[in-house]
């Protein structure tokens, strides 16, 4: 697995998560295209946007958050793993956050309806 321009701890976490979900690098199809949005001349001249597809599940992710291609490669893999995990029925951290926000909204709605 390639090393990305993030901390060693994050690289280690990514390798561990990929092995937990049994996702291999060979199952990933990666395409680099030009980004859009902020970043000025740099993003207009380089292909820093990463499109990542998991061949066996068909899940596809596009990441162009950062100006660095290497960081975008890491972020795309992280997002892809989260989507694969969510598709398998496991409650992910993103899903927990959404559930928490829904509970807060319901609580506020009940309070305002009772007032």
N, C-alpha and C. Protein backbone atom coordinates (compact mmCIF):
# COMPACT_ATOMS: atom_id res chain seq x y z
N UNK A 1 0.85 -1.18 0.00
CA UNK A 1 0.00 0.00 0.00
C UNK A 1 0.88 1.24 0.00
N UNK A 2 0.53 2.24 -0.78
CA UNK A 2 1.36 3.46 -0.83
C UNK A 2 1.25 4.27 0.46
N UNK A 3 2.29 5.02 0.74
CA UNK A 3 2.27 5.95 1.87
C UNK A 3 1.76 7.30 1.37
N UNK A 4 0.93 7.95 2.17
CA UNK A 4 0.36 9.24 1.78
C UNK A 4 0.98 10.35 2.61
N UNK A 5 0.80 11.60 2.18
CA UNK A 5 1.41 12.75 2.84
C UNK A 5 0.60 13.16 4.07
N UNK A 6 0.35 12.19 4.93
CA UNK A 6 -0.30 12.42 6.22
C UNK A 6 0.56 11.75 7.28
N UNK A 7 0.19 11.89 8.53
CA UNK A 7 1.01 11.33 9.60
C UNK A 7 1.09 9.81 9.51
N UNK A 8 2.13 9.25 10.11
CA UNK A 8 2.32 7.80 10.12
C UNK A 8 1.15 7.11 10.83
N UNK A 9 0.63 7.76 11.86
CA UNK A 9 -0.50 7.20 12.60
C UNK A 9 -1.73 7.06 11.69
N UNK A 10 -1.99 8.06 10.84
CA UNK A 10 -3.14 7.99 9.93
C UNK A 10 -2.92 6.93 8.86
N UNK A 11 -1.68 6.81 8.37
CA UNK A 11 -1.37 5.76 7.41
C UNK A 11 -1.58 4.38 8.02
N UNK A 12 -1.16 4.22 9.28
CA UNK A 12 -1.33 2.96 9.99
C UNK A 12 -2.81 2.64 10.18
N UNK A 13 -3.60 3.67 10.55
CA UNK A 13 -5.04 3.49 10.75
C UNK A 13 -5.69 3.03 9.44
N UNK A 14 -5.28 3.65 8.33
CA UNK A 14 -5.86 3.30 7.03
C UNK A 14 -5.56 1.84 6.67
N UNK A 15 -4.32 1.42 6.87
CA UNK A 15 -3.96 0.02 6.59
C UNK A 15 -4.77 -0.94 7.45
N UNK A 16 -4.93 -0.60 8.72
CA UNK A 16 -5.68 -1.45 9.65
C UNK A 16 -7.15 -1.52 9.24
N UNK A 17 -7.74 -0.39 8.90
CA UNK A 17 -9.15 -0.35 8.52
C UNK A 17 -9.40 -1.12 7.23
N UNK A 18 -8.46 -1.01 6.28
CA UNK A 18 -8.60 -1.75 5.03
C UNK A 18 -8.52 -3.25 5.27
N UNK A 19 -7.65 -3.67 6.18
CA UNK A 19 -7.56 -5.10 6.48
C UNK A 19 -8.79 -5.59 7.23
N UNK A 20 -9.36 -4.75 8.12
CA UNK A 20 -10.58 -5.12 8.84
C UNK A 20 -11.74 -5.36 7.88
N UNK A 21 -11.87 -4.46 6.89
CA UNK A 21 -12.97 -4.55 5.94
C UNK A 21 -12.63 -5.44 4.74
N UNK A 22 -11.41 -6.00 4.75
CA UNK A 22 -10.95 -6.90 3.67
C UNK A 22 -11.00 -6.21 2.31
N UNK A 23 -10.52 -4.96 2.28
CA UNK A 23 -10.41 -4.21 1.03
C UNK A 23 -8.94 -4.17 0.65
N UNK A 24 -8.64 -4.65 -0.56
CA UNK A 24 -7.25 -4.67 -1.03
C UNK A 24 -7.05 -3.55 -2.05
N UNK A 25 -5.81 -3.10 -2.18
CA UNK A 25 -5.47 -2.05 -3.15
C UNK A 25 -5.83 -2.49 -4.57
N UNK A 26 -5.72 -3.78 -4.86
CA UNK A 26 -6.00 -4.28 -6.20
C UNK A 26 -7.48 -4.12 -6.58
N UNK A 27 -8.35 -4.00 -5.57
CA UNK A 27 -9.78 -3.85 -5.81
C UNK A 27 -10.18 -2.39 -6.06
N UNK A 28 -9.22 -1.48 -5.96
CA UNK A 28 -9.51 -0.06 -6.10
C UNK A 28 -9.06 0.44 -7.47
N UNK A 29 -9.93 1.19 -8.11
CA UNK A 29 -9.62 1.80 -9.39
C UNK A 29 -9.52 3.31 -9.14
N UNK A 30 -8.36 3.87 -9.45
CA UNK A 30 -8.09 5.26 -9.10
C UNK A 30 -7.85 6.08 -10.36
N UNK A 31 -8.53 7.24 -10.46
CA UNK A 31 -8.39 8.14 -11.60
C UNK A 31 -8.11 9.53 -11.06
N UNK A 32 -7.18 10.25 -11.69
CA UNK A 32 -6.85 11.61 -11.28
C UNK A 32 -7.35 12.59 -12.35
N UNK A 33 -8.10 13.58 -11.91
CA UNK A 33 -8.62 14.61 -12.82
C UNK A 33 -8.35 15.98 -12.20
N UNK A 34 -8.60 17.01 -12.97
CA UNK A 34 -8.37 18.37 -12.47
C UNK A 34 -9.48 18.76 -11.51
N UNK A 35 -9.07 19.44 -10.45
CA UNK A 35 -10.03 19.89 -9.44
C UNK A 35 -10.72 21.16 -9.92
N UNK A 36 -11.69 21.58 -9.15
CA UNK A 36 -12.33 22.87 -9.39
C UNK A 36 -12.43 23.58 -8.05
N UNK A 37 -12.79 24.83 -8.08
CA UNK A 37 -12.97 25.58 -6.84
C UNK A 37 -11.72 26.30 -6.40
N UNK A 38 -11.58 26.49 -5.08
CA UNK A 38 -10.47 27.26 -4.52
C UNK A 38 -9.13 26.58 -4.78
N UNK A 39 -8.09 27.37 -4.82
CA UNK A 39 -6.75 26.84 -5.02
C UNK A 39 -6.02 27.56 -6.12
N UNK A 40 -6.73 28.36 -6.87
CA UNK A 40 -6.11 29.20 -7.88
C UNK A 40 -5.43 28.42 -8.99
N UNK A 41 -4.29 28.97 -9.43
CA UNK A 41 -3.57 28.41 -10.56
C UNK A 41 -3.13 26.97 -10.30
N UNK A 42 -2.82 26.66 -9.04
CA UNK A 42 -2.32 25.32 -8.71
C UNK A 42 -3.32 24.23 -9.11
N UNK A 43 -4.60 24.40 -8.73
CA UNK A 43 -5.58 23.35 -9.03
C UNK A 43 -5.95 23.36 -10.51
N UNK A 44 -5.73 24.48 -11.19
CA UNK A 44 -6.04 24.53 -12.62
C UNK A 44 -4.98 23.82 -13.46
N UNK A 45 -3.78 23.70 -12.93
CA UNK A 45 -2.67 23.12 -13.71
C UNK A 45 -2.38 21.67 -13.35
N UNK A 46 -2.82 21.21 -12.20
CA UNK A 46 -2.50 19.86 -11.75
C UNK A 46 -3.76 19.01 -11.62
N UNK A 47 -3.59 17.72 -11.70
CA UNK A 47 -4.71 16.79 -11.53
C UNK A 47 -4.72 16.30 -10.09
N UNK A 48 -5.26 17.11 -9.20
CA UNK A 48 -5.22 16.77 -7.78
C UNK A 48 -6.52 16.13 -7.28
N UNK A 49 -7.57 16.13 -8.10
CA UNK A 49 -8.82 15.49 -7.73
C UNK A 49 -8.70 13.98 -7.92
N UNK A 50 -9.19 13.21 -6.95
CA UNK A 50 -9.07 11.75 -6.99
C UNK A 50 -10.46 11.14 -7.07
N UNK A 51 -10.66 10.29 -8.07
CA UNK A 51 -11.88 9.50 -8.17
C UNK A 51 -11.51 8.06 -7.88
N UNK A 52 -12.11 7.50 -6.85
CA UNK A 52 -11.76 6.17 -6.39
C UNK A 52 -13.00 5.27 -6.46
N UNK A 53 -12.83 4.10 -7.04
CA UNK A 53 -13.96 3.17 -7.18
C UNK A 53 -13.56 1.81 -6.64
N UNK A 54 -14.43 1.25 -5.79
CA UNK A 54 -14.25 -0.10 -5.28
C UNK A 54 -14.94 -1.03 -6.27
N UNK A 55 -14.15 -1.80 -6.99
CA UNK A 55 -14.67 -2.58 -8.11
C UNK A 55 -15.70 -3.61 -7.68
N UNK A 56 -15.45 -4.35 -6.60
CA UNK A 56 -16.37 -5.43 -6.23
C UNK A 56 -17.72 -4.92 -5.70
N UNK A 57 -17.76 -3.76 -5.03
CA UNK A 57 -19.03 -3.25 -4.53
C UNK A 57 -19.64 -2.18 -5.44
N UNK A 58 -18.82 -1.56 -6.29
CA UNK A 58 -19.31 -0.53 -7.19
C UNK A 58 -19.42 0.84 -6.55
N UNK A 59 -18.98 0.99 -5.31
CA UNK A 59 -19.06 2.28 -4.61
C UNK A 59 -17.97 3.20 -5.16
N UNK A 60 -18.36 4.44 -5.48
CA UNK A 60 -17.42 5.39 -6.05
C UNK A 60 -17.39 6.67 -5.21
N UNK A 61 -16.17 7.23 -5.07
CA UNK A 61 -15.96 8.42 -4.25
C UNK A 61 -15.11 9.40 -5.05
N UNK A 62 -15.42 10.70 -4.94
CA UNK A 62 -14.60 11.74 -5.55
C UNK A 62 -14.15 12.68 -4.44
N UNK A 63 -12.86 13.00 -4.42
CA UNK A 63 -12.33 13.88 -3.38
C UNK A 63 -11.45 14.95 -3.99
N UNK A 64 -11.80 16.21 -3.74
CA UNK A 64 -10.98 17.33 -4.19
C UNK A 64 -10.92 18.41 -3.11
N UNK A 65 -10.89 17.97 -1.86
CA UNK A 65 -10.89 18.89 -0.73
C UNK A 65 -9.61 19.68 -0.60
N UNK A 66 -8.47 19.01 -0.81
CA UNK A 66 -7.17 19.63 -0.59
C UNK A 66 -6.46 19.90 -1.92
N UNK A 67 -5.41 20.71 -1.86
CA UNK A 67 -4.64 21.00 -3.06
C UNK A 67 -3.66 19.87 -3.37
N UNK A 68 -3.36 19.05 -2.39
CA UNK A 68 -2.39 17.97 -2.55
C UNK A 68 -3.07 16.70 -3.04
N UNK A 69 -2.53 16.12 -4.09
CA UNK A 69 -3.08 14.86 -4.62
C UNK A 69 -2.93 13.73 -3.60
N UNK A 70 -1.79 13.70 -2.92
CA UNK A 70 -1.53 12.63 -1.96
C UNK A 70 -2.53 12.67 -0.80
N UNK A 71 -2.81 13.85 -0.30
CA UNK A 71 -3.78 13.99 0.80
C UNK A 71 -5.18 13.61 0.30
N UNK A 72 -5.51 14.02 -0.93
CA UNK A 72 -6.81 13.66 -1.49
C UNK A 72 -6.94 12.15 -1.68
N UNK A 73 -5.85 11.48 -2.01
CA UNK A 73 -5.87 10.02 -2.14
C UNK A 73 -6.21 9.37 -0.80
N UNK A 74 -5.60 9.90 0.28
CA UNK A 74 -5.89 9.38 1.62
C UNK A 74 -7.35 9.63 1.99
N UNK A 75 -7.82 10.88 1.77
CA UNK A 75 -9.19 11.23 2.14
C UNK A 75 -10.21 10.42 1.34
N UNK A 76 -9.92 10.17 0.07
CA UNK A 76 -10.84 9.37 -0.75
C UNK A 76 -10.93 7.95 -0.22
N UNK A 77 -9.80 7.37 0.16
CA UNK A 77 -9.82 6.02 0.71
C UNK A 77 -10.58 5.97 2.03
N UNK A 78 -10.38 6.99 2.87
CA UNK A 78 -11.07 7.04 4.16
C UNK A 78 -12.59 7.11 3.95
N UNK A 79 -13.01 7.96 3.01
CA UNK A 79 -14.44 8.10 2.73
C UNK A 79 -15.01 6.82 2.11
N UNK A 80 -14.24 6.19 1.23
CA UNK A 80 -14.67 4.95 0.62
C UNK A 80 -14.87 3.86 1.67
N UNK A 81 -13.92 3.75 2.60
CA UNK A 81 -14.04 2.75 3.66
C UNK A 81 -15.26 3.01 4.54
N UNK A 82 -15.54 4.28 4.79
CA UNK A 82 -16.72 4.62 5.60
C UNK A 82 -18.00 4.22 4.88
N UNK A 83 -18.04 4.44 3.56
CA UNK A 83 -19.23 4.07 2.80
C UNK A 83 -19.40 2.55 2.71
N UNK A 84 -18.28 1.84 2.56
CA UNK A 84 -18.34 0.38 2.52
C UNK A 84 -18.84 -0.15 3.86
N UNK A 85 -18.35 0.45 4.94
CA UNK A 85 -18.76 0.05 6.28
C UNK A 85 -20.25 0.33 6.49
N UNK A 86 -20.71 1.49 6.02
CA UNK A 86 -22.13 1.84 6.16
C UNK A 86 -23.00 0.90 5.34
N UNK A 87 -22.52 0.50 4.16
CA UNK A 87 -23.29 -0.40 3.31
C UNK A 87 -23.41 -1.79 3.94
N UNK A 88 -22.44 -2.15 4.78
CA UNK A 88 -22.50 -3.46 5.43
C UNK A 88 -23.41 -3.45 6.65
N UNK A 89 -23.93 -2.28 7.04
CA UNK A 89 -24.89 -2.21 8.14
C UNK A 89 -24.30 -1.77 9.46
N UNK A 90 -23.00 -1.50 9.51
CA UNK A 90 -22.35 -1.06 10.73
C UNK A 90 -22.63 0.43 10.93
N UNK A 91 -22.86 0.85 12.17
CA UNK A 91 -23.09 2.26 12.48
C UNK A 91 -21.74 2.96 12.55
N UNK A 92 -21.48 3.86 11.62
CA UNK A 92 -20.20 4.56 11.56
C UNK A 92 -20.25 5.84 12.39
N UNK A 93 -19.11 6.49 12.55
CA UNK A 93 -19.06 7.72 13.35
C UNK A 93 -19.89 8.82 12.71
N UNK A 94 -19.90 8.89 11.38
CA UNK A 94 -20.72 9.88 10.70
C UNK A 94 -22.20 9.64 10.92
N UNK A 95 -22.58 8.38 10.93
CA UNK A 95 -23.98 8.03 11.18
C UNK A 95 -24.36 8.35 12.62
N UNK A 96 -23.43 8.12 13.56
CA UNK A 96 -23.70 8.45 14.96
C UNK A 96 -23.96 9.94 15.13
N UNK A 97 -23.18 10.76 14.42
CA UNK A 97 -23.34 12.21 14.49
C UNK A 97 -24.70 12.62 13.96
N UNK A 98 -25.13 12.01 12.86
CA UNK A 98 -26.44 12.33 12.27
C UNK A 98 -27.56 11.91 13.22
N UNK A 99 -27.44 10.76 13.83
CA UNK A 99 -28.45 10.28 14.79
C UNK A 99 -28.56 11.24 15.97
N UNK A 100 -27.40 11.71 16.46
CA UNK A 100 -27.38 12.64 17.59
C UNK A 100 -28.08 13.95 17.21
N UNK A 101 -27.80 14.46 16.01
CA UNK A 101 -28.45 15.70 15.57
C UNK A 101 -29.96 15.53 15.42
N UNK A 102 -30.39 14.39 14.91
CA UNK A 102 -31.83 14.14 14.78
C UNK A 102 -32.52 14.11 16.14
N UNK A 103 -31.87 13.49 17.12
CA UNK A 103 -32.43 13.45 18.48
C UNK A 103 -32.56 14.86 19.05
N UNK A 104 -31.53 15.68 18.83
CA UNK A 104 -31.59 17.06 19.33
C UNK A 104 -32.73 17.83 18.68
N UNK A 105 -32.90 17.67 17.37
CA UNK A 105 -33.99 18.37 16.67
C UNK A 105 -35.35 17.90 17.16
N UNK A 106 -35.50 16.59 17.36
CA UNK A 106 -36.77 16.06 17.87
C UNK A 106 -37.08 16.63 19.25
N UNK A 107 -36.05 16.69 20.10
CA UNK A 107 -36.22 17.22 21.45
C UNK A 107 -36.66 18.69 21.39
N UNK A 108 -36.02 19.47 20.53
CA UNK A 108 -36.39 20.89 20.40
C UNK A 108 -37.81 21.03 19.85
N UNK A 109 -38.16 20.18 18.89
CA UNK A 109 -39.48 20.24 18.30
C UNK A 109 -40.56 19.94 19.34
N UNK A 110 -40.32 18.94 20.19
CA UNK A 110 -41.27 18.59 21.25
C UNK A 110 -41.40 19.73 22.26
N UNK A 111 -40.26 20.35 22.60
CA UNK A 111 -40.30 21.45 23.57
C UNK A 111 -41.10 22.64 23.02
N UNK A 112 -40.88 22.97 21.75
CA UNK A 112 -41.58 24.11 21.17
C UNK A 112 -43.07 23.80 20.96
N UNK A 113 -43.42 22.57 20.72
CA UNK A 113 -44.81 22.19 20.53
C UNK A 113 -45.57 22.24 21.86
N UNK A 114 -44.87 21.93 22.96
CA UNK A 114 -45.51 21.94 24.28
C UNK A 114 -45.66 23.35 24.85
N UNK A 115 -44.91 24.29 24.34
CA UNK A 115 -44.94 25.66 24.88
C UNK A 115 -46.14 26.43 24.47
